[in-house]
Amino acid sequence: MAGTDLYHAVQVQLAEKLNSLVPGEEPKQLFFTNSGAETVEAALKLVRYHTGRSRVVAFLGAFHGRTTGALSLTASKVVQRRGFAPLIPGVTHIPYGYCYRCAYNLECPSCDLYCVDYIEKTLFKQLVPGDEVGAIFVEPIQGEGGYVVSPPEYHSRLKELADRWGILFVADEIQMGMGRTGKWFSIEHWGVVPDITLIAKGIASGLPLGAMVARKDLMDWPLGAHGTTFGGNPVSCAAARATIQVIEKEGLVERASRMGDRLLSAARDIATRHASIGDVRGKGLVVGIELVKDRETKEPATRLRDDVINRAFRKGLLILGCGPSTLRFMPALTVDGQTVDETMAIFEESLAEAESEG
């Protein structure tokens, strides 16, 4: 474990708890940070140091942060990168397993996950030497990219490929972790154990804290190779411990799964009445509704999406956009059934108004 200059009891207790929650039975070590971007930076440095490899693979649509290293992995919106070149070299972005908008114009499952095979059959043969790649950085569910839920076996196939080439599998759980998807960490839905897990945001209920959790054998960098002044400070660690205790005591992971099913079911029901809804997807309290101008062409309905957001806001419902034209629903883990129902009623009313006046 590493964090501030001095260890303190609450930091050690939190590290032990997180190590028990993060997938994988192998011994782990933890590095505390102040934020998600700082956590990503730590992982990028560790990958390069441990593997001795300078290249990494990330995904189009990914959001990993806005500091220089994290931004080099980010490929969500051009506005986030404009004006900051050159970024860190050695990062190659490839299409994510976004079945609704497949970059290869294929259909799952008949494609046999070509989006994964592409890495080995094309990328490593024509552009990037696989034995120079230190890690694959991936969001198990893409956030800013459109609340994209990858197909079954996608992450397990990615992990198998990574293992074959001695590449580390880094799961960015900064947005999807801490119970939001109905599991403590979203990668658990695919039964995959990451080599490195990145945590922040919901870990401390708004206080600045992040954590990079890696297999112990990976944390072989020497004292002083990396550090932080306030990462793992006592106040944030205490808030994180209390947050975890509340999640466990009140059964909020199970609640997220149950309420998420209710929200997802309502969204799919609404989709039967509105042709502007092209796709509905999600896990737990991570639900994306993608709006389109035409279900056949799947042309993004960005203006309609933004209109719905504004109308819903005026009616008391706060929702955000992501991806080309997706609405993201991410209520608090404490949300109840009545609130879910009210949410979806306001959403449908706002959508109907926007459709009629659009």
Protein backbone atom coordinates (compact mmCIF):
# COMPACT_ATOMS: atom_id res chain seq x y z
CA MET A 1 0.00 0.00 0.00
CA ALA A 2 1.16 3.53 -0.68
CA GLY A 3 -0.38 6.94 -0.25
CA THR A 4 0.79 9.87 1.85
CA ASP A 5 4.19 10.10 3.53
CA LEU A 6 2.89 8.49 6.72
CA TYR A 7 0.55 5.54 7.17
CA HIS A 8 -2.46 5.84 9.45
CA ALA A 9 -4.93 3.27 10.72
CA VAL A 10 -7.93 4.27 8.63
CA GLN A 11 -5.85 4.15 5.45
CA VAL A 12 -4.66 0.62 6.21
CA GLN A 13 -8.18 -0.51 7.08
CA LEU A 14 -9.54 0.93 3.84
CA ALA A 15 -6.78 -0.69 1.80
CA GLU A 16 -7.55 -4.08 3.33
CA LYS A 17 -11.27 -3.65 2.60
CA LEU A 18 -10.73 -2.58 -1.01
CA ASN A 19 -8.35 -5.46 -1.59
CA SER A 20 -11.07 -7.83 -0.42
CA LEU A 21 -13.68 -6.28 -2.74
CA VAL A 22 -11.64 -5.99 -5.93
CA PRO A 23 -11.90 -9.16 -8.09
CA GLY A 24 -9.11 -11.72 -7.80
CA GLU A 25 -7.76 -13.99 -5.09
CA GLU A 26 -4.09 -13.17 -5.63
CA PRO A 27 -2.40 -10.80 -3.15
CA LYS A 28 -2.84 -7.14 -4.11
CA GLN A 29 -1.22 -3.83 -3.35
CA LEU A 30 -2.83 -0.44 -3.44
CA PHE A 31 -1.73 3.07 -4.33
CA PHE A 32 -4.00 5.87 -3.08
CA THR A 33 -4.53 9.02 -5.15
CA ASN A 34 -6.73 12.12 -5.09
CA SER A 35 -8.75 11.57 -8.27
CA GLY A 36 -9.58 9.36 -11.21
CA ALA A 37 -7.14 11.01 -13.59
CA GLU A 38 -4.34 10.68 -11.05
CA THR A 39 -5.20 7.01 -10.66
CA VAL A 40 -4.94 6.49 -14.41
CA GLU A 41 -1.59 8.29 -14.47
CA ALA A 42 -0.28 6.00 -11.74
CA ALA A 43 -1.38 2.92 -13.66
CA LEU A 44 0.20 4.12 -16.89
CA LYS A 45 3.51 4.66 -15.12
CA LEU A 46 3.35 1.29 -13.37
CA VAL A 47 2.59 -0.51 -16.63
CA ARG A 48 5.61 1.02 -18.34
CA TYR A 49 7.90 0.41 -15.41
CA HIS A 50 6.89 -3.19 -14.72
CA THR A 51 6.64 -4.44 -18.30
CA GLY A 52 9.41 -2.36 -19.84
CA ARG A 53 7.04 -1.83 -22.77
CA SER A 54 6.21 1.64 -24.05
CA ARG A 55 2.98 1.02 -25.96
CA VAL A 56 -0.62 0.68 -24.75
CA VAL A 57 -3.94 0.00 -26.43
CA ALA A 58 -7.09 1.97 -25.57
CA PHE A 59 -10.50 2.38 -27.19
CA LEU A 60 -12.38 4.90 -29.28
CA GLY A 61 -15.07 6.42 -27.10
CA ALA A 62 -12.99 5.95 -23.95
CA PHE A 63 -12.75 8.55 -21.23
CA HIS A 64 -9.90 8.15 -18.74
CA GLY A 65 -9.32 11.74 -17.67
CA ARG A 66 -7.87 15.07 -18.82
CA THR A 67 -4.34 15.17 -17.42
CA THR A 68 -1.70 14.53 -20.07
CA GLY A 69 -1.26 10.78 -19.63
CA ALA A 70 -4.95 10.12 -19.00
CA LEU A 71 -5.89 12.37 -21.93
CA SER A 72 -3.60 10.35 -24.17
CA LEU A 73 -5.82 7.35 -23.42
CA THR A 74 -9.06 9.34 -23.79
CA ALA A 75 -10.85 9.30 -27.15
CA SER A 76 -14.31 10.51 -26.30
CA LYS A 77 -14.62 14.06 -27.66
CA VAL A 78 -12.20 16.01 -29.81
CA VAL A 79 -12.75 19.13 -27.68
CA GLN A 80 -10.97 17.34 -24.85
CA ARG A 81 -7.83 16.87 -26.98
CA ARG A 82 -7.80 19.95 -29.22
CA GLY A 83 -4.90 22.27 -28.48
CA PHE A 84 -2.94 19.86 -26.30
CA ALA A 85 -0.85 17.95 -28.84
CA PRO A 86 1.55 16.29 -28.79
CA LEU A 87 0.27 13.91 -26.16
CA ILE A 88 2.12 10.89 -24.81
CA PRO A 89 3.25 8.68 -27.70
CA GLY A 90 2.65 4.95 -27.94
CA VAL A 91 -1.13 4.94 -27.44
CA THR A 92 -3.21 3.22 -30.13
CA HIS A 93 -7.01 3.51 -30.13
CA ILE A 94 -9.23 0.84 -31.62
CA PRO A 95 -13.04 0.43 -31.89
CA TYR A 96 -14.82 -0.76 -28.75
CA GLY A 97 -17.30 -3.63 -28.69
CA TYR A 98 -20.20 -1.29 -29.52
CA CYS A 99 -22.60 -3.71 -31.18
CA TYR A 100 -25.30 -1.16 -31.96
CA ARG A 101 -22.77 0.84 -33.99
CA CYS A 102 -20.31 -1.85 -35.01
CA ALA A 103 -17.26 -0.25 -36.63
CA TYR A 104 -16.93 -3.30 -38.88
CA ASN A 105 -20.60 -3.48 -39.95
CA LEU A 106 -20.95 -6.98 -38.54
CA GLU A 107 -23.62 -8.65 -36.40
CA CYS A 108 -23.06 -10.27 -33.01
CA PRO A 109 -22.77 -13.18 -32.32
CA SER A 110 -22.17 -14.31 -35.92
CA CYS A 111 -19.14 -11.97 -36.04
CA ASP A 112 -17.40 -14.18 -33.45
CA LEU A 113 -16.19 -10.99 -31.77
CA TYR A 114 -14.15 -9.80 -34.73
CA CYS A 115 -13.55 -6.57 -32.77
CA VAL A 116 -11.29 -8.58 -30.45
CA ASP A 117 -9.70 -10.71 -33.19
CA TYR A 118 -8.83 -7.50 -35.06
CA ILE A 119 -6.20 -6.71 -32.42
CA GLU A 120 -4.18 -9.84 -33.08
CA LYS A 121 -4.97 -10.42 -36.75
CA THR A 122 -4.58 -6.86 -37.99
CA LEU A 123 -3.26 -4.38 -35.43
CA PHE A 124 -0.38 -6.54 -34.19
CA LYS A 125 0.54 -7.63 -37.72
CA GLN A 126 0.42 -4.29 -39.50
CA LEU A 127 0.89 -1.42 -37.06
CA VAL A 128 1.73 -2.20 -33.43
CA PRO A 129 4.17 -4.93 -32.34
CA GLY A 130 2.22 -6.93 -29.78
CA ASP A 131 5.33 -7.66 -27.75
CA GLU A 132 5.82 -3.92 -27.23
CA VAL A 133 2.33 -3.41 -25.75
CA GLY A 134 2.35 -3.15 -21.97
CA ALA A 135 -1.38 -2.88 -21.29
CA ILE A 136 -4.90 -2.69 -22.59
CA PHE A 137 -6.80 0.08 -20.79
CA VAL A 138 -10.54 -0.55 -20.94
CA GLU A 139 -13.77 0.62 -19.33
CA PRO A 140 -15.82 -2.55 -18.76
CA ILE A 141 -18.83 -0.36 -19.61
CA GLN A 142 -18.00 2.80 -21.55
CA GLY A 143 -19.26 5.93 -19.83
CA GLU A 144 -18.70 9.09 -21.88
CA GLY A 145 -18.62 6.94 -25.01
CA GLY A 146 -22.36 6.27 -24.72
CA TYR A 147 -23.04 3.93 -21.78
CA VAL A 148 -21.96 1.11 -24.06
CA VAL A 149 -22.35 -2.41 -22.69
CA SER A 150 -20.04 -4.81 -24.49
CA PRO A 151 -21.32 -8.23 -25.70
CA PRO A 152 -20.97 -11.47 -23.73
CA GLU A 153 -17.45 -12.96 -23.78
CA TYR A 154 -15.97 -9.65 -24.98
CA HIS A 155 -13.85 -8.96 -21.92
CA SER A 156 -12.92 -12.58 -21.36
CA ARG A 157 -11.64 -12.74 -24.95
CA LEU A 158 -9.73 -9.48 -24.43
CA LYS A 159 -8.15 -10.89 -21.26
CA GLU A 160 -7.19 -14.14 -23.01
CA LEU A 161 -5.53 -12.16 -25.79
CA ALA A 162 -3.71 -9.98 -23.27
CA ASP A 163 -2.43 -13.01 -21.38
CA ARG A 164 -1.13 -14.62 -24.56
CA TRP A 165 1.02 -11.57 -25.28
CA GLY A 166 2.07 -10.78 -21.72
CA ILE A 167 -0.07 -7.65 -21.77
CA LEU A 168 -1.67 -6.27 -18.59
CA PHE A 169 -5.46 -5.89 -18.48
CA VAL A 170 -6.32 -2.57 -16.80
CA ALA A 171 -9.99 -2.10 -15.86
CA ASP A 172 -11.03 1.53 -15.41
CA GLU A 173 -13.85 1.30 -12.84
CA ILE A 174 -13.75 4.97 -11.96
CA GLN A 175 -17.29 5.66 -13.15
CA MET A 176 -18.81 2.17 -12.98
CA GLY A 177 -17.37 0.85 -9.73
CA MET A 178 -18.54 0.83 -6.11
CA GLY A 179 -21.81 -0.98 -6.71
CA ARG A 180 -23.32 1.17 -9.44
CA THR A 181 -23.90 -1.67 -11.93
CA GLY A 182 -25.32 -4.13 -9.41
CA LYS A 183 -21.86 -5.57 -8.71
CA TRP A 184 -19.10 -3.98 -6.67
CA PHE A 185 -17.16 -3.64 -9.92
CA SER A 186 -18.63 -3.79 -13.40
CA ILE A 187 -16.00 -6.20 -14.74
CA GLU A 188 -17.56 -8.85 -12.47
CA HIS A 189 -20.46 -9.12 -14.93
CA TRP A 190 -18.01 -10.79 -17.32
CA GLY A 191 -16.20 -12.91 -14.75
CA VAL A 192 -12.83 -11.37 -15.59
CA VAL A 193 -10.07 -10.61 -13.08
CA PRO A 194 -8.09 -7.50 -14.08
CA ASP A 195 -4.37 -7.18 -13.45
CA ILE A 196 -4.95 -3.58 -12.35
CA THR A 197 -8.23 -2.02 -11.21
CA LEU A 198 -8.76 1.76 -11.12
CA ILE A 199 -11.18 3.27 -8.60
CA ALA A 200 -12.33 6.83 -7.79
CA LYS A 201 -15.53 8.96 -7.93
CA GLY A 202 -18.05 7.04 -5.79
CA ILE A 203 -15.42 5.64 -3.46
CA ALA A 204 -15.61 8.51 -0.94
CA SER A 205 -19.00 10.13 -1.58
CA GLY A 206 -17.57 13.28 -3.13
CA LEU A 207 -14.34 13.68 -1.20
CA PRO A 208 -11.12 13.52 -3.25
CA LEU A 209 -9.86 9.94 -3.33
CA GLY A 210 -8.81 7.33 -5.85
CA ALA A 211 -7.03 4.00 -5.71
CA MET A 212 -4.99 1.89 -8.09
CA VAL A 213 -5.26 -1.76 -7.04
CA ALA A 214 -2.76 -4.09 -8.69
CA ARG A 215 -1.52 -7.63 -8.25
CA LYS A 216 1.23 -7.49 -5.65
CA ASP A 217 3.83 -8.93 -8.03
CA LEU A 218 3.30 -6.00 -10.39
CA MET A 219 4.10 -3.36 -7.77
CA ASP A 220 7.85 -3.79 -8.12
CA TRP A 221 8.86 -0.17 -8.62
CA PRO A 222 11.30 1.22 -6.03
CA LEU A 223 10.59 3.70 -3.30
CA GLY A 224 10.34 7.18 -4.81
CA ALA A 225 9.48 6.06 -8.35
CA HIS A 226 5.97 7.39 -7.81
CA GLY A 227 4.25 9.31 -5.06
CA THR A 228 1.53 11.71 -4.00
CA THR A 229 1.23 14.38 -1.32
CA PHE A 230 -2.38 14.06 -0.19
CA GLY A 231 -3.50 10.78 -1.78
CA GLY A 232 -5.10 8.61 0.87
CA ASN A 233 -5.52 11.46 3.35
CA PRO A 234 -7.26 10.49 6.63
CA VAL A 235 -10.49 12.42 6.01
CA SER A 236 -11.09 10.95 2.54
CA CYS A 237 -10.18 7.45 3.75
CA ALA A 238 -12.63 7.76 6.62
CA ALA A 239 -15.33 8.89 4.18
CA ALA A 240 -14.58 5.92 1.94
CA ARG A 241 -14.78 3.46 4.82
CA ALA A 242 -18.11 4.96 5.89
CA THR A 243 -19.37 4.84 2.29
CA ILE A 244 -18.56 1.15 1.98
CA GLN A 245 -20.17 0.43 5.33
CA VAL A 246 -23.40 2.15 4.26
CA ILE A 247 -23.44 0.33 0.92
CA GLU A 248 -23.05 -3.00 2.71
CA LYS A 249 -25.41 -2.28 5.60
CA GLU A 250 -28.22 -0.98 3.39
CA GLY A 251 -27.74 -3.58 0.65
CA LEU A 252 -27.20 -0.89 -1.98
CA VAL A 253 -25.40 -3.15 -4.46
CA GLU A 254 -28.40 -5.46 -4.56
CA ARG A 255 -30.71 -2.43 -4.66
CA ALA A 256 -28.81 -1.07 -7.67
CA SER A 257 -29.41 -4.35 -9.46
CA ARG A 258 -33.10 -4.46 -8.56
CA MET A 259 -33.86 -0.80 -9.28
CA GLY A 260 -31.75 -1.00 -12.41
CA ASP A 261 -33.88 -3.84 -13.73
CA ARG A 262 -36.96 -1.70 -13.04
CA LEU A 263 -35.48 1.29 -14.85
CA LEU A 264 -34.28 -0.79 -17.79
CA SER A 265 -37.66 -2.51 -18.13
CA ALA A 266 -39.45 0.86 -18.15
CA ALA A 267 -37.03 2.22 -20.75
CA ARG A 268 -37.62 -0.76 -23.03
CA ASP A 269 -41.37 -0.38 -22.63
CA ILE A 270 -41.14 3.29 -23.59
CA ALA A 271 -39.07 2.32 -26.63
CA THR A 272 -42.02 0.35 -28.00
CA ARG A 273 -43.96 3.63 -28.24
CA HIS A 274 -41.24 5.92 -29.59
CA ALA A 275 -39.46 5.25 -32.87
CA SER A 276 -36.77 7.79 -31.93
CA ILE A 277 -35.35 5.32 -29.42
CA GLY A 278 -32.84 3.22 -31.28
CA ASP A 279 -31.29 1.25 -28.44
CA VAL A 280 -31.70 0.67 -24.72
CA ARG A 281 -28.86 -0.88 -22.72
CA GLY A 282 -27.48 -1.03 -19.23
CA LYS A 283 -26.37 -2.86 -16.12
CA GLY A 284 -27.79 -1.93 -12.74
CA LEU A 285 -28.13 1.82 -12.30
CA VAL A 286 -26.26 2.50 -15.53
CA VAL A 287 -28.85 2.80 -18.28
CA GLY A 288 -28.37 4.39 -21.68
CA ILE A 289 -31.15 5.29 -24.09
CA GLU A 290 -29.82 6.10 -27.55
CA LEU A 291 -31.93 8.38 -29.73
CA VAL A 292 -31.87 8.21 -33.52
CA LYS A 293 -33.49 9.99 -36.44
CA ASP A 294 -34.26 6.69 -38.11
CA ARG A 295 -34.03 3.16 -36.73
CA GLU A 296 -32.85 1.79 -40.05
CA THR A 297 -30.02 4.25 -40.68
CA LYS A 298 -29.30 4.77 -36.96
CA GLU A 299 -28.40 8.39 -37.65
CA PRO A 300 -27.77 10.02 -34.26
CA ALA A 301 -30.48 12.41 -33.06
CA THR A 302 -28.17 14.70 -31.11
CA ARG A 303 -30.41 17.75 -31.26
CA LEU A 304 -33.41 15.73 -30.08
CA ARG A 305 -31.33 14.29 -27.25
CA ASP A 306 -30.28 17.74 -26.08
CA ASP A 307 -33.87 19.01 -26.33
CA VAL A 308 -35.08 16.13 -24.13
CA ILE A 309 -32.39 16.94 -21.56
CA ASN A 310 -33.49 20.58 -21.36
CA ARG A 311 -37.20 19.76 -21.18
CA ALA A 312 -36.63 17.14 -18.49
CA PHE A 313 -34.55 19.59 -16.47
CA ARG A 314 -37.38 22.12 -16.48
CA LYS A 315 -39.66 19.37 -15.15
CA GLY A 316 -37.28 18.54 -12.31
CA LEU A 317 -35.36 15.64 -13.82
CA LEU A 318 -31.60 15.90 -14.33
CA ILE A 319 -30.18 13.58 -16.99
CA LEU A 320 -26.98 13.87 -19.02
CA GLY A 321 -25.91 13.07 -22.53
CA CYS A 322 -23.06 10.87 -23.66
CA GLY A 323 -21.84 9.31 -26.89
CA PRO A 324 -23.29 10.49 -30.21
CA SER A 325 -26.90 10.78 -28.99
CA THR A 326 -27.39 8.77 -25.79
CA LEU A 327 -29.18 9.82 -22.62
CA ARG A 328 -27.60 8.41 -19.49
CA PHE A 329 -29.61 7.54 -16.42
CA MET A 330 -27.49 7.16 -13.28
CA PRO A 331 -29.59 7.70 -10.15
CA ALA A 332 -28.19 7.45 -6.64
CA LEU A 333 -27.67 3.97 -5.23
CA THR A 334 -30.40 4.79 -2.69
CA VAL A 335 -33.06 5.40 -5.35
CA ASP A 336 -36.45 3.82 -4.67
CA GLY A 337 -39.07 2.38 -6.99
CA GLN A 338 -41.36 5.40 -6.86
CA THR A 339 -38.53 7.70 -7.92
CA VAL A 340 -37.61 5.37 -10.78
CA ASP A 341 -41.21 5.38 -11.99
CA GLU A 342 -41.46 9.18 -11.73
CA THR A 343 -38.17 9.51 -13.58
CA MET A 344 -39.32 7.46 -16.51
CA ALA A 345 -42.70 9.20 -16.64
CA ILE A 346 -41.01 12.61 -16.86
CA PHE A 347 -38.58 11.28 -19.44
CA GLU A 348 -41.34 9.95 -21.70
CA GLU A 349 -43.33 13.16 -21.36
CA SER A 350 -40.24 15.19 -22.29
CA LEU A 351 -39.44 12.90 -25.20
CA ALA A 352 -42.98 13.08 -26.56
CA GLU A 353 -42.93 16.88 -26.43
CA ALA A 354 -39.55 17.09 -28.12
CA GLU A 355 -40.64 14.67 -30.85
CA SER A 356 -43.82 16.59 -31.59
CA GLU A 357 -42.11 19.95 -31.76
CA GLY A 358 -38.79 18.83 -33.27
